[in-house]
Amino acid sequence: MEQAFATPLSLGNKKVGRVWTFSLPSLLTCPGASAWCRGHCYARRMEQFRPNCRLAYLRNLHITEDPVAFVRGTLESLPNGAQFVRIHVGGDFHTSHYSKAWVQICEARPDVSFWGYTRSWTVPDLVDALEELRRLPNVSLFGSTDTTMPLPPNGWRVAFIDIDSRASGMPCRHQQGEVDSCLECGYCFRENAGNVVFKVH
């Protein structure tokens, strides 16, 4: 019997702004995470501070186990008039089937801008699906890195941390106190090129 679909989309917090978001449990779905990343994971700290977040993200992971239902249900729950979706406030692209499900979702809603940050580009079995996703015209996908990791493949926008000597690009304006939210800034999802630099937090 086909499972009932509970919408995994939610509206973002003050930092992200009133955009739609989707998350998975941290670490459990992060095959590309470095040891540094695991030790500094903001999403993990948030899940520890707010256990209900962890439970919600685990439910989302369960929903994604049926990619067909996940695609259909996400499209049904994404309102007409929605403009922006942040993929993964917590978690990451953990399988190629899951990554390809996002390709289908993003292709089906060319009117919506999707953006996210991933370390799964380091996982050989996931690269092809992520390349397909990031090449969509309505997707801004950054390859996240830290001082212990190499740089993402050529052509990728890069999300650096500010302690990395290789860092180049726009400092996160929210972290600089220049804007109240990602939505107000828009650099990561309105621009089609350029790296971003985050403070360690």
Protein backbone atom coordinates (compact mmCIF):
# COMPACT_ATOMS: atom_id res chain seq x y z
CA MET A 1 0.00 0.00 0.00
CA GLU A 2 1.30 3.45 -0.89
CA GLN A 3 2.21 5.50 2.15
CA ALA A 4 0.35 8.69 3.03
CA PHE A 5 2.43 11.75 2.38
CA ALA A 6 2.98 14.31 5.11
CA THR A 7 4.45 17.49 3.67
CA PRO A 8 8.12 17.89 4.62
CA LEU A 9 8.27 21.56 3.59
CA SER A 10 8.26 24.28 6.21
CA LEU A 11 8.69 28.03 6.28
CA GLY A 12 12.14 29.25 7.17
CA ASN A 13 13.27 30.86 10.41
CA LYS A 14 14.36 34.46 10.99
CA LYS A 15 17.84 33.82 9.56
CA VAL A 16 16.69 32.28 6.29
CA GLY A 17 13.54 34.36 5.92
CA ARG A 18 10.03 33.41 4.88
CA VAL A 19 11.06 30.93 2.21
CA TRP A 20 10.20 27.25 1.99
CA THR A 21 12.80 24.88 3.42
CA PHE A 22 13.48 21.17 3.55
CA SER A 23 15.85 19.36 5.91
CA LEU A 24 17.15 15.93 6.83
CA PRO A 25 18.92 14.74 9.99
CA SER A 26 22.49 15.97 10.21
CA LEU A 27 25.44 13.56 10.07
CA LEU A 28 23.16 10.59 9.32
CA THR A 29 22.62 11.93 5.79
CA CYS A 30 26.01 13.62 5.30
CA PRO A 31 28.31 11.17 3.50
CA GLY A 32 30.67 13.95 2.37
CA ALA A 33 31.16 15.53 5.79
CA SER A 34 34.76 15.94 6.90
CA ALA A 35 35.88 15.43 10.48
CA TRP A 36 36.07 19.23 10.80
CA CYS A 37 32.50 19.57 9.55
CA ARG A 38 31.21 16.94 11.95
CA GLY A 39 32.87 18.76 14.84
CA HIS A 40 31.47 22.17 13.89
CA CYS A 41 28.01 21.19 12.60
CA TYR A 42 25.52 23.98 13.26
CA ALA A 43 22.55 21.77 12.31
CA ARG A 44 23.62 19.10 14.79
CA ARG A 45 23.76 21.65 17.60
CA MET A 46 20.33 22.92 16.63
CA GLU A 47 18.91 19.38 16.67
CA GLN A 48 20.38 18.80 20.13
CA PHE A 49 18.90 22.06 21.41
CA ARG A 50 15.53 21.41 19.74
CA PRO A 51 14.80 17.64 19.73
CA ASN A 52 11.57 18.20 17.81
CA CYS A 53 13.67 19.34 14.83
CA ARG A 54 15.53 16.04 14.84
CA LEU A 55 12.25 14.12 14.93
CA ALA A 56 10.85 16.16 12.05
CA TYR A 57 14.01 15.63 10.00
CA LEU A 58 13.87 11.88 10.67
CA ARG A 59 10.29 11.86 9.42
CA ASN A 60 11.45 13.68 6.30
CA LEU A 61 14.11 11.04 5.75
CA HIS A 62 11.46 8.33 5.97
CA ILE A 63 9.35 10.15 3.39
CA THR A 64 12.26 10.27 0.92
CA GLU A 65 12.64 6.49 0.99
CA ASP A 66 9.93 6.38 -1.69
CA PRO A 67 11.33 8.81 -4.30
CA VAL A 68 8.17 8.75 -6.45
CA ALA A 69 5.94 9.66 -3.51
CA PHE A 70 8.48 12.21 -2.31
CA VAL A 71 8.53 14.03 -5.66
CA ARG A 72 4.77 13.99 -6.05
CA GLY A 73 4.07 15.03 -2.48
CA THR A 74 6.63 17.83 -2.47
CA LEU A 75 5.22 19.26 -5.69
CA GLU A 76 1.70 19.02 -4.32
CA SER A 77 2.68 20.82 -1.13
CA LEU A 78 4.75 23.59 -2.75
CA PRO A 79 2.26 26.44 -3.13
CA ASN A 80 1.57 28.29 -6.32
CA GLY A 81 3.37 31.58 -6.00
CA ALA A 82 6.24 30.13 -3.98
CA GLN A 83 9.46 31.79 -5.07
CA PHE A 84 12.33 30.24 -3.13
CA VAL A 85 13.21 26.86 -1.57
CA ARG A 86 16.27 26.26 0.59
CA ILE A 87 17.29 22.61 0.23
CA HIS A 88 18.81 21.35 3.48
CA VAL A 89 19.02 23.68 6.42
CA GLY A 90 20.21 20.39 7.92
CA GLY A 91 21.35 17.19 6.21
CA ASP A 92 22.67 16.62 2.71
CA PHE A 93 22.27 14.67 -0.52
CA HIS A 94 22.94 11.14 0.70
CA THR A 95 21.98 8.92 -2.28
CA SER A 96 21.80 9.35 -6.03
CA HIS A 97 18.10 8.41 -6.06
CA TYR A 98 17.38 11.16 -3.58
CA SER A 99 19.45 13.68 -5.55
CA LYS A 100 17.63 12.75 -8.76
CA ALA A 101 14.31 13.25 -6.99
CA TRP A 102 15.32 16.86 -6.44
CA VAL A 103 16.20 17.14 -10.13
CA GLN A 104 12.61 16.15 -10.94
CA ILE A 105 11.17 18.58 -8.40
CA CYS A 106 13.26 21.50 -9.64
CA GLU A 107 12.53 20.72 -13.29
CA ALA A 108 8.80 20.62 -12.57
CA ARG A 109 8.84 24.08 -10.93
CA PRO A 110 10.97 26.35 -13.15
CA ASP A 111 9.20 29.33 -11.55
CA VAL A 112 10.86 28.58 -8.19
CA SER A 113 14.50 29.28 -7.29
CA PHE A 114 16.13 26.48 -5.29
CA TRP A 115 19.43 26.75 -3.44
CA GLY A 116 21.61 24.74 -1.10
CA TYR A 117 25.11 23.85 0.06
CA THR A 118 26.57 20.35 -0.13
CA ARG A 119 29.69 18.39 0.72
CA SER A 120 28.40 15.34 -1.12
CA TRP A 121 30.38 16.43 -4.17
CA THR A 122 33.24 14.50 -2.50
CA VAL A 123 31.36 11.20 -2.90
CA PRO A 124 32.10 9.70 -6.36
CA ASP A 125 28.76 7.87 -6.61
CA LEU A 126 26.83 11.12 -6.06
CA VAL A 127 28.69 13.53 -8.32
CA ASP A 128 26.79 12.83 -11.56
CA ALA A 129 23.37 13.43 -10.03
CA LEU A 130 24.59 16.58 -8.27
CA GLU A 131 26.09 17.89 -11.52
CA GLU A 132 22.71 17.36 -13.18
CA LEU A 133 20.97 19.21 -10.37
CA ARG A 134 23.32 22.19 -10.22
CA ARG A 135 23.14 22.77 -13.98
CA LEU A 136 19.41 23.47 -13.86
CA PRO A 137 18.76 27.17 -14.52
CA ASN A 138 16.67 27.61 -11.36
CA VAL A 139 19.16 25.90 -9.01
CA SER A 140 22.10 27.44 -7.14
CA LEU A 141 24.11 24.63 -5.57
CA PHE A 142 27.33 25.42 -3.72
CA GLY A 143 30.11 22.98 -3.01
CA SER A 144 30.95 23.47 0.67
CA THR A 145 34.53 23.02 1.81
CA ASP A 146 36.81 23.63 4.78
CA THR A 147 40.54 23.80 5.40
CA THR A 148 40.84 19.99 5.51
CA MET A 149 39.14 19.46 2.13
CA PRO A 150 40.07 20.04 -1.51
CA LEU A 151 38.14 22.51 -3.64
CA PRO A 152 34.96 21.39 -5.44
CA PRO A 153 35.16 20.55 -9.16
CA ASN A 154 35.68 23.32 -11.69
CA GLY A 155 32.54 25.27 -12.45
CA TRP A 156 31.01 24.92 -8.99
CA ARG A 157 30.15 27.88 -6.82
CA VAL A 158 32.05 27.41 -3.57
CA ALA A 159 30.95 28.00 0.02
CA PHE A 160 34.11 28.75 2.00
CA ILE A 161 34.69 29.32 5.69
CA ASP A 162 36.54 32.50 6.55
CA ILE A 163 39.52 30.74 8.17
CA ASP A 164 40.38 29.11 4.82
CA SER A 165 43.31 30.88 3.11
CA ARG A 166 41.77 29.97 -0.26
CA ALA A 167 38.51 31.78 0.53
CA SER A 168 37.22 34.22 -2.06
CA GLY A 169 33.80 35.63 -2.77
CA MET A 170 31.01 37.55 -1.07
CA PRO A 171 31.12 37.47 2.74
CA CYS A 172 27.71 36.35 4.04
CA ARG A 173 25.85 39.62 4.47
CA HIS A 174 23.60 38.21 7.19
CA GLN A 175 26.61 37.21 9.27
CA GLN A 176 28.07 40.67 8.64
CA GLY A 177 24.93 42.24 10.10
CA GLU A 178 24.08 43.96 6.83
CA VAL A 179 20.72 42.22 6.24
CA ASP A 180 18.18 40.48 8.44
CA SER A 181 17.84 37.28 6.40
CA CYS A 182 18.97 35.26 3.40
CA LEU A 183 15.78 36.35 1.68
CA GLU A 184 16.65 40.03 2.07
CA CYS A 185 20.12 39.47 0.62
CA GLY A 186 19.38 36.99 -2.14
CA TYR A 187 22.99 36.66 -3.29
CA CYS A 188 23.13 32.87 -3.03
CA PHE A 189 19.96 32.23 -5.03
CA ARG A 190 19.51 35.27 -7.25
CA GLU A 191 23.02 35.46 -8.65
CA ASN A 192 24.17 32.88 -11.18
CA ALA A 193 27.85 32.99 -10.23
CA GLY A 194 30.17 33.83 -7.36
CA ASN A 195 31.40 32.18 -4.20
CA VAL A 196 30.28 32.91 -0.66
CA VAL A 197 32.32 33.07 2.55
CA PHE A 198 30.79 32.14 5.90
CA LYS A 199 32.07 32.81 9.38
CA VAL A 200 32.60 29.69 11.47
CA HIS A 201 29.51 29.43 13.66
